[in-house]
Protein backbone atom coordinates (compact mmCIF):
# COMPACT_ATOMS: atom_id res chain seq x y z
CA MET A 1 9.28 4.92 -3.28
CA ILE A 2 8.95 2.39 -0.57
CA ASP A 3 7.64 -1.14 -0.36
CA TYR A 4 3.87 -1.81 0.35
CA LEU A 5 4.29 -3.71 3.59
CA GLU A 6 6.92 -1.13 4.79
CA ALA A 7 4.33 1.69 4.11
CA LEU A 8 1.59 -0.32 5.77
CA ARG A 9 3.88 -0.55 8.91
CA GLU A 10 4.36 3.13 9.08
CA VAL A 11 0.74 3.87 8.98
CA VAL A 12 -0.26 1.34 11.58
CA ALA A 13 2.66 2.24 13.91
CA ARG A 14 1.16 5.95 14.02
CA ALA A 15 -2.40 4.89 14.27
CA LYS A 16 -2.99 4.74 18.10
CA PRO A 17 -6.02 3.02 19.71
CA LEU A 18 -8.59 5.91 20.70
CA ALA A 19 -10.20 6.13 24.33
CA ALA A 20 -12.96 4.16 25.27
CA GLU A 21 -16.49 5.36 25.80
CA SER A 22 -19.73 3.87 27.31
CA ILE A 23 -22.61 3.29 24.75
CA SER A 24 -26.07 1.91 25.09
CA LEU A 25 -26.75 -1.50 23.73
CA ALA A 26 -29.18 -0.09 21.10
CA ASP A 27 -26.00 1.75 19.82
CA ALA A 28 -23.68 -1.10 19.96
CA LEU A 29 -24.12 -2.66 16.32
CA GLY A 30 -21.09 -1.99 14.42
CA ARG A 31 -18.82 -0.94 17.26
CA THR A 32 -15.70 -2.37 18.73
CA LEU A 33 -15.43 -3.56 22.26
CA ALA A 34 -13.03 -1.88 24.37
CA ARG A 35 -12.76 -4.72 27.00
CA ASP A 36 -13.52 -8.30 27.62
CA VAL A 37 -17.05 -9.37 28.57
CA LEU A 38 -17.17 -11.92 31.10
CA ALA A 39 -20.63 -13.80 31.98
CA ARG A 40 -22.00 -12.44 35.36
CA GLU A 41 -24.53 -15.32 35.34
CA PRO A 42 -25.20 -18.42 33.61
CA VAL A 43 -27.20 -18.74 30.27
CA PRO A 44 -29.92 -19.88 30.53
CA PRO A 45 -30.09 -19.19 34.13
CA PHE A 46 -32.24 -22.16 34.88
CA SER A 47 -33.01 -25.62 33.38
CA LYS A 48 -35.97 -25.21 31.03
CA ALA A 49 -38.43 -26.93 28.75
CA THR A 50 -37.33 -26.71 25.05
CA MET A 51 -40.85 -28.13 23.74
CA ASP A 52 -44.47 -27.79 24.80
CA GLY A 53 -45.47 -31.04 26.80
CA TYR A 54 -45.27 -32.58 30.01
CA ALA A 55 -42.63 -32.54 32.52
CA VAL A 56 -41.96 -35.80 34.08
CA ARG A 57 -39.61 -38.27 35.82
CA ALA A 58 -38.20 -40.10 32.86
CA ALA A 59 -38.34 -43.38 34.91
CA ASP A 60 -42.02 -43.11 35.10
CA THR A 61 -42.53 -43.25 31.12
CA CYS A 62 -40.41 -46.57 30.74
CA ALA A 63 -43.51 -48.78 30.23
CA ALA A 64 -44.93 -46.44 27.51
CA GLY A 65 -45.00 -47.24 23.93
CA GLY A 66 -46.30 -50.11 21.71
CA ALA A 67 -49.92 -50.95 22.55
CA GLY A 68 -49.73 -49.58 26.11
CA ALA A 69 -49.45 -46.23 27.77
CA VAL A 70 -48.48 -44.65 31.09
CA GLU A 71 -51.30 -42.31 32.86
CA LEU A 72 -49.74 -39.60 34.95
CA GLU A 73 -51.64 -37.15 37.35
CA VAL A 74 -51.30 -33.46 36.25
CA ILE A 75 -50.67 -31.29 39.09
CA GLU A 76 -50.10 -28.10 37.54
CA ASP A 77 -50.28 -26.09 34.39
CA LEU A 78 -47.07 -24.09 33.83
CA PRO A 79 -46.60 -21.32 31.29
CA ALA A 80 -43.29 -19.66 30.54
CA GLY A 81 -42.38 -16.95 33.13
CA ARG A 82 -43.70 -18.77 36.09
CA VAL A 83 -41.98 -21.21 38.62
CA CYS A 84 -43.62 -24.46 39.61
CA ARG A 85 -45.25 -24.48 43.30
CA ARG A 86 -44.60 -28.18 43.86
CA ASP A 87 -41.95 -30.85 43.13
CA ILE A 88 -42.73 -33.73 40.76
CA GLY A 89 -43.20 -36.96 42.72
CA PRO A 90 -43.71 -40.62 41.40
CA GLY A 91 -46.71 -40.89 38.88
CA ARG A 92 -47.14 -37.13 38.65
CA ALA A 93 -46.42 -34.49 35.71
CA VAL A 94 -46.70 -31.16 35.05
CA ARG A 95 -48.21 -29.47 31.66
CA ILE A 96 -45.32 -27.04 30.52
CA MET A 97 -44.61 -24.60 28.01
CA THR A 98 -41.45 -23.87 26.05
CA GLY A 99 -39.16 -21.90 27.99
CA ALA A 100 -40.68 -22.53 31.28
CA PRO A 101 -38.29 -23.50 34.30
CA LEU A 102 -38.13 -27.18 34.78
CA PRO A 103 -40.15 -28.17 37.99
CA GLY A 104 -38.24 -29.86 40.83
CA GLY A 105 -37.89 -33.66 40.53
CA ALA A 106 -38.46 -33.60 36.56
CA ASP A 107 -35.63 -34.95 34.41
CA ALA A 108 -37.30 -34.77 31.02
CA VAL A 109 -40.20 -33.43 28.94
CA VAL A 110 -42.50 -35.50 27.07
CA MET A 111 -43.57 -33.52 23.72
CA VAL A 112 -47.30 -33.16 23.54
CA GLU A 113 -47.61 -34.87 20.27
CA ASN A 114 -46.69 -37.97 22.22
CA THR A 115 -49.45 -37.62 24.91
CA GLU A 116 -53.09 -37.51 25.20
CA LYS A 117 -55.00 -35.51 27.95
CA ALA A 118 -57.86 -37.20 29.96
CA GLY A 119 -59.34 -35.01 32.45
CA GLY A 120 -56.81 -34.34 35.28
CA TRP A 121 -54.57 -37.00 33.92
CA VAL A 122 -52.27 -37.40 30.84
CA ARG A 123 -51.64 -40.61 28.93
CA ILE A 124 -47.88 -40.85 27.87
CA LEU A 125 -47.67 -42.73 24.54
CA ARG A 126 -43.83 -42.77 23.97
CA PRO A 127 -40.87 -43.16 26.58
CA VAL A 128 -38.49 -40.59 27.15
CA GLY A 129 -34.85 -40.49 28.64
CA GLN A 130 -33.39 -38.26 31.04
CA GLY A 131 -32.57 -34.80 29.48
CA ASP A 132 -34.85 -35.08 26.64
CA ASN A 133 -36.44 -31.80 25.53
CA ILE A 134 -34.51 -29.93 28.17
CA GLY A 135 -32.27 -26.81 27.97
CA GLU A 136 -29.76 -27.12 30.91
CA ALA A 137 -29.03 -24.17 33.22
CA GLY A 138 -25.65 -22.81 31.81
CA GLU A 139 -25.38 -25.05 28.80
CA ASP A 140 -24.71 -21.88 26.53
CA VAL A 141 -22.63 -19.90 28.91
CA GLN A 142 -21.29 -20.68 32.53
CA LYS A 143 -20.89 -17.91 34.96
CA GLY A 144 -17.25 -16.46 34.62
CA ASP A 145 -16.86 -17.46 31.01
CA LEU A 146 -15.23 -15.22 28.64
CA VAL A 147 -17.87 -14.65 26.02
CA LEU A 148 -16.55 -11.72 24.03
CA GLU A 149 -13.21 -10.24 23.65
CA LYS A 150 -11.80 -6.79 23.56
CA GLY A 151 -11.33 -5.89 19.92
CA ASP A 152 -14.37 -7.87 18.70
CA LEU A 153 -16.59 -6.12 16.20
CA VAL A 154 -20.39 -6.16 17.64
CA GLY A 155 -22.67 -7.83 15.06
CA PRO A 156 -26.50 -8.97 15.57
CA ALA A 157 -25.38 -12.15 17.56
CA GLU A 158 -23.11 -10.04 19.69
CA VAL A 159 -25.89 -7.75 20.52
CA GLY A 160 -28.19 -10.57 21.42
CA MET A 161 -25.47 -12.02 23.63
CA LEU A 162 -24.92 -8.82 25.44
CA ALA A 163 -28.51 -8.55 26.17
CA ALA A 164 -28.81 -12.11 27.50
CA LEU A 165 -25.88 -11.32 29.81
CA GLY A 166 -27.80 -8.27 31.12
CA HIS A 167 -25.67 -5.57 29.66
CA ALA A 168 -27.66 -2.38 28.86
CA SER A 169 -24.44 -0.65 27.76
CA VAL A 170 -20.89 -1.44 26.91
CA ARG A 171 -17.47 -0.10 26.76
CA SER A 172 -16.50 0.66 23.21
CA SER A 173 -13.73 2.54 21.43
CA ARG A 174 -14.45 5.97 20.26
CA ARG A 175 -15.17 6.10 16.38
CA PRO A 176 -12.30 8.07 14.75
CA GLU A 177 -13.44 11.12 12.69
CA VAL A 178 -12.51 11.23 9.27
CA ALA A 179 -12.53 14.48 7.11
CA VAL A 180 -12.65 13.79 3.30
CA ILE A 181 -11.58 16.58 0.71
CA ALA A 182 -11.69 16.04 -2.96
CA THR A 183 -9.35 18.23 -5.09
CA GLY A 184 -9.00 19.41 -8.65
CA ASP A 185 -10.43 22.08 -11.10
CA GLU A 186 -11.89 19.50 -13.35
CA ILE A 187 -14.63 17.94 -11.00
CA VAL A 188 -18.14 19.13 -10.16
CA GLU A 189 -20.69 17.80 -7.54
CA PRO A 190 -23.13 15.12 -8.85
CA GLY A 191 -26.03 17.73 -9.00
CA ARG A 192 -24.33 20.07 -11.47
CA LYS A 193 -23.70 19.89 -14.98
CA PRO A 194 -20.17 19.54 -16.00
CA ARG A 195 -18.60 22.10 -18.32
CA PRO A 196 -16.50 20.90 -21.25
CA GLY A 197 -13.51 18.90 -19.82
CA GLN A 198 -14.94 18.56 -16.53
CA ILE A 199 -16.28 15.17 -14.88
CA ARG A 200 -18.40 14.58 -11.69
CA ASN A 201 -16.96 14.09 -8.41
CA SER A 202 -17.03 10.32 -7.26
CA ASN A 203 -13.99 10.26 -5.04
CA GLY A 204 -15.52 12.68 -2.33
CA HIS A 205 -18.52 10.64 -1.78
CA ALA A 206 -16.97 7.22 -2.15
CA LEU A 207 -14.13 7.93 0.49
CA ARG A 208 -16.68 9.11 2.86
CA ALA A 209 -18.78 6.11 2.38
CA MET A 210 -15.77 3.77 2.79
CA ALA A 211 -14.98 5.69 6.14
CA LEU A 212 -18.46 5.23 7.23
CA GLN A 213 -18.38 1.49 6.24
CA ALA A 214 -15.14 0.96 8.09
CA GLY A 215 -16.69 2.03 11.52
CA ALA A 216 -15.51 5.76 11.48
CA LYS A 217 -17.53 9.04 11.57
CA ALA A 218 -16.86 11.03 8.41
CA ASP A 219 -17.57 14.51 7.03
CA TYR A 220 -17.20 15.50 3.46
CA LEU A 221 -15.72 18.86 3.22
CA GLY A 222 -16.36 19.44 -0.52
CA ILE A 223 -13.98 20.25 -3.31
CA ALA A 224 -10.57 22.14 -2.95
CA ARG A 225 -9.80 23.90 -6.28
CA ASP A 226 -6.23 23.85 -7.51
CA ARG A 227 -5.21 26.94 -5.60
CA ASP A 228 -3.37 27.61 -2.57
CA SER A 229 -6.06 29.45 -0.91
CA SER A 230 -8.86 26.99 -1.40
CA LEU A 231 -6.60 24.20 -0.22
CA LYS A 232 -5.64 25.91 2.89
CA LEU A 233 -9.21 26.67 3.65
CA LYS A 234 -10.51 23.21 3.28
CA ILE A 235 -7.50 21.57 5.22
CA ARG A 236 -7.89 24.01 8.03
CA LYS A 237 -11.69 23.00 8.50
CA ALA A 238 -10.48 19.42 8.97
CA ARG A 239 -7.91 20.23 11.86
CA LYS A 240 -9.94 18.61 14.41
CA ALA A 241 -10.37 15.25 12.45
CA ASP A 242 -8.38 12.24 13.60
CA ILE A 243 -7.64 11.23 9.94
CA LEU A 244 -7.72 13.58 6.84
CA VAL A 245 -8.02 12.09 3.48
CA LEU A 246 -7.56 14.10 0.34
CA SER A 247 -7.87 12.85 -3.16
CA GLY A 248 -5.96 14.03 -6.07
CA GLY A 249 -3.08 16.51 -6.25
CA VAL A 250 -0.53 14.19 -5.10
CA SER A 251 1.35 13.19 -8.23
CA VAL A 252 4.06 15.38 -9.99
CA GLY A 253 1.99 17.78 -12.26
CA ASP A 254 2.13 21.51 -12.08
CA HIS A 255 -1.17 21.52 -10.30
CA ASP A 256 -0.54 18.87 -7.86
CA LEU A 257 -0.34 21.11 -4.83
CA VAL A 258 -1.56 18.96 -2.23
CA LYS A 259 1.84 17.64 -0.75
CA GLU A 260 3.43 21.12 -0.58
CA GLU A 261 0.27 22.76 1.17
CA LEU A 262 0.08 19.94 3.65
CA ARG A 263 3.95 20.79 4.54
CA GLY A 264 3.16 24.49 4.86
CA LEU A 265 0.32 23.69 7.32
CA GLY A 266 2.40 21.62 9.47
CA VAL A 267 1.95 18.13 8.09
CA ARG A 268 5.24 16.17 8.70
CA PRO A 269 5.64 13.62 5.63
CA VAL A 270 6.15 9.98 6.49
CA PHE A 271 6.20 8.63 2.89
CA TRP A 272 5.29 9.65 -0.73
CA ARG A 273 4.91 7.14 -3.36
CA VAL A 274 4.65 3.33 -2.64
CA ARG A 275 5.92 0.41 -5.09
CA ILE A 276 2.34 -0.56 -5.89
CA LYS A 277 -0.12 -0.51 -8.60
CA PRO A 278 -2.61 1.13 -8.63
CA GLY A 279 -1.83 4.01 -6.35
CA LYS A 280 1.68 4.75 -6.48
CA PRO A 281 1.60 8.34 -5.61
CA VAL A 282 -0.07 7.86 -2.22
CA PHE A 283 1.14 10.20 0.66
CA PHE A 284 1.16 9.72 4.20
CA GLY A 285 1.98 12.15 6.91
CA VAL A 286 1.25 13.41 10.50
CA ARG A 287 0.06 16.75 12.01
CA GLY A 288 0.24 16.16 15.83
CA ARG A 289 -2.09 13.22 16.39
CA GLN A 290 -3.83 13.77 13.03
CA LEU A 291 -3.18 11.18 10.32
CA VAL A 292 -3.13 12.56 6.91
CA PHE A 293 -3.32 10.67 3.46
CA GLY A 294 -3.33 12.02 0.10
CA LEU A 295 -4.74 9.60 -2.39
CA PRO A 296 -4.45 9.34 -6.18
CA GLY A 297 -7.27 11.10 -8.04
CA ASN A 298 -8.30 8.30 -10.25
CA PRO A 299 -11.26 6.73 -8.75
CA THR A 300 -10.25 2.94 -8.48
CA SER A 301 -6.66 4.12 -7.18
CA ALA A 302 -8.43 6.27 -4.52
CA MET A 303 -10.53 3.34 -3.38
CA VAL A 304 -7.79 0.69 -3.56
CA THR A 305 -5.32 2.76 -1.60
CA PHE A 306 -8.20 3.72 1.09
CA HIS A 307 -8.53 -0.21 1.58
CA LEU A 308 -4.70 -0.67 1.78
CA PHE A 309 -3.74 2.31 4.03
CA VAL A 310 -6.87 4.25 5.59
CA ARG A 311 -8.91 1.28 6.69
CA PRO A 312 -6.08 -0.29 8.60
CA ALA A 313 -5.61 3.03 10.38
CA ILE A 314 -9.39 3.11 11.12
CA ASP A 315 -9.22 -0.42 12.33
CA ARG A 316 -6.23 0.41 14.59
CA MET A 317 -7.88 3.41 16.04
CA LEU A 318 -10.92 1.37 16.87
CA GLY A 319 -8.81 -1.37 18.69
CA ARG A 320 -9.94 -4.17 16.40
CA LYS A 321 -8.23 -7.54 16.13
CA ILE A 322 -8.05 -7.54 12.52
CA VAL A 323 -6.33 -4.45 10.98
CA GLY A 324 -7.08 -3.89 7.25
CA PRO A 325 -8.67 -6.05 4.67
CA ARG A 326 -8.98 -9.72 5.76
CA ALA A 327 -6.64 -12.02 3.84
CA GLY A 328 -7.48 -15.37 2.36
CA LYS A 329 -6.57 -17.60 -0.52
CA ALA A 330 -8.40 -18.45 -3.74
CA VAL A 331 -7.87 -20.49 -6.92
CA LEU A 332 -7.15 -18.35 -9.71
CA GLU A 333 -9.70 -18.48 -12.89
CA LYS A 334 -7.51 -17.11 -15.55
CA GLU A 335 -3.99 -16.70 -16.15
CA ILE A 336 -2.25 -13.48 -15.26
CA ALA A 337 0.60 -11.72 -17.05
CA LEU A 338 2.06 -8.53 -15.73
CA LYS A 339 4.99 -6.35 -15.85
CA PRO A 340 6.89 -6.75 -12.54
CA GLY A 341 8.51 -4.27 -10.38
CA ARG A 342 5.56 -3.21 -8.15
CA THR A 343 3.28 -5.17 -5.98
CA GLN A 344 -0.20 -5.23 -7.79
CA PHE A 345 -3.63 -5.30 -6.46
CA LEU A 346 -5.92 -6.46 -9.12
CA ARG A 347 -9.61 -6.02 -8.63
CA ALA A 348 -11.37 -9.31 -8.85
CA VAL A 349 -14.87 -11.18 -8.77
CA LEU A 350 -15.38 -14.27 -6.53
CA ALA A 351 -16.06 -16.78 -9.07
CA GLY A 352 -18.21 -19.96 -9.30
CA ASP A 353 -20.45 -21.98 -6.88
CA GLY A 354 -18.36 -25.36 -6.52
CA PRO A 355 -16.27 -26.35 -3.61
CA GLY A 356 -13.36 -23.98 -2.94
CA LEU A 357 -13.11 -20.16 -3.28
CA ARG A 358 -12.25 -19.14 -6.86
CA VAL A 359 -11.42 -15.69 -8.08
CA ASP A 360 -11.41 -14.16 -11.51
CA PRO A 361 -9.58 -10.76 -12.34
CA PHE A 362 -11.93 -8.00 -13.62
CA PRO A 363 -11.23 -7.77 -17.22
CA ASP A 364 -10.30 -3.81 -17.27
CA GLN A 365 -7.70 -2.74 -14.61
CA LYS A 366 -7.27 0.86 -15.65
CA SER A 367 -7.38 3.28 -12.74
CA GLY A 368 -10.23 5.15 -13.86
CA VAL A 369 -12.54 2.07 -14.39
CA LEU A 370 -14.91 2.55 -11.39
CA ARG A 371 -17.08 -0.29 -12.57
CA SER A 372 -14.34 -2.65 -11.65
CA MET A 373 -14.80 -1.57 -7.79
CA VAL A 374 -18.58 -1.90 -8.16
CA ARG A 375 -18.24 -5.47 -9.41
CA SER A 376 -15.28 -6.64 -7.45
CA ARG A 377 -15.33 -8.14 -4.00
CA ALA A 378 -11.57 -8.94 -3.66
CA LEU A 379 -8.08 -7.95 -4.72
CA ILE A 380 -5.50 -10.37 -5.84
CA VAL A 381 -2.38 -9.76 -4.45
CA VAL A 382 0.57 -10.11 -7.10
CA PRO A 383 4.17 -9.86 -5.44
CA ALA A 384 6.53 -7.37 -7.10
CA ASP A 385 8.75 -9.99 -8.54
CA VAL A 386 6.15 -12.11 -10.28
CA SER A 387 5.25 -11.46 -13.95
CA ARG A 388 2.99 -14.44 -14.56
CA ILE A 389 0.65 -16.71 -12.73
CA GLU A 390 -1.10 -19.65 -14.24
CA ARG A 391 -4.63 -20.52 -14.11
CA GLY A 392 -5.60 -22.90 -11.22
CA THR A 393 -2.80 -21.51 -9.07
CA VAL A 394 -3.77 -20.68 -5.50
CA VAL A 395 -3.20 -16.91 -4.87
CA GLU A 396 -3.42 -14.61 -1.98
CA ILE A 397 -6.45 -12.20 -1.82
CA LEU A 398 -7.71 -9.26 0.29
CA PHE A 399 -11.53 -9.39 0.69
CA LEU A 400 -13.23 -5.89 0.06
CA GLU A 401 -16.14 -6.66 2.37
């Protein structure tokens, strides 16, 4: 066996960033930027009104307030999307809508609530200062600013910023293609009734969903039975995938055929068995440019080892800044007592609504308890040499979302 961090380094070292491609802005959500984005123009591109009201020279409003008011001549009505035809001189104002460019000569906007219209004039009831109710040109982004960086994940805000900067398309890392195979004679697909001794296949569908959620393309190839011919057929169908993920068949039983079958099909082993719990019998190998993972058959072991090893490989291929689950710290809600010797990853619920993040281990940590993954939002990382952690201790966690 090798240690967890050593195994992770082996995976990340062999996962190479994929080539970039051009994608439309409409398809950019969830993708990873393949190059820095510099502002080609300021945002906003001009000074504008941030309130409906009257564009004025602030100095002309000084006498407003109390029992008095200032009357200014209204020379134009300016909706958003139009430019004022004249500059504002002393004693004049322009009726302006939110988002309209500020007329020349104006340095403030009086909110409409603080005015009274009187024919071609407006009465200013309250003074304003320079810059009031104005969005300055470039106050968000200046031309030439580094706005988004290579490796950034594109979320809704990033989509909006790209649009504001005029990008109809962006360069993004190609999404890796992941092929998922479940193995075993004991599993059947969800739509079929299990015979005595059989269970429904959850791994194939869960692992495909995890690959999609991680940003990859994913294809579920079905169940490979515990026979050489069945395994060969499924594995060969996955030959074009960037990553092949199999669940089950990687332990030491008579019917655990995956490792030897992979060897026979040209997969070079990098490691088998990692000093972790759950997921000790995890396998990792390479076939040309393809990364191959053999994950345990127990549902939670399969999902945890996907987070620990497959997800970092996908992140690395996508060129992301953060590789693998995001790490953090939280205060432990309940005491932990464990047998030392392996790094343990305990499924855990993020607890409480008070200040500071708290974490509560899920009560049943057995490898077959899929409900623990449904409820848990983090993994508590327990070092291999630790057997006891007291309640209230700050512990390291890995976020699952």
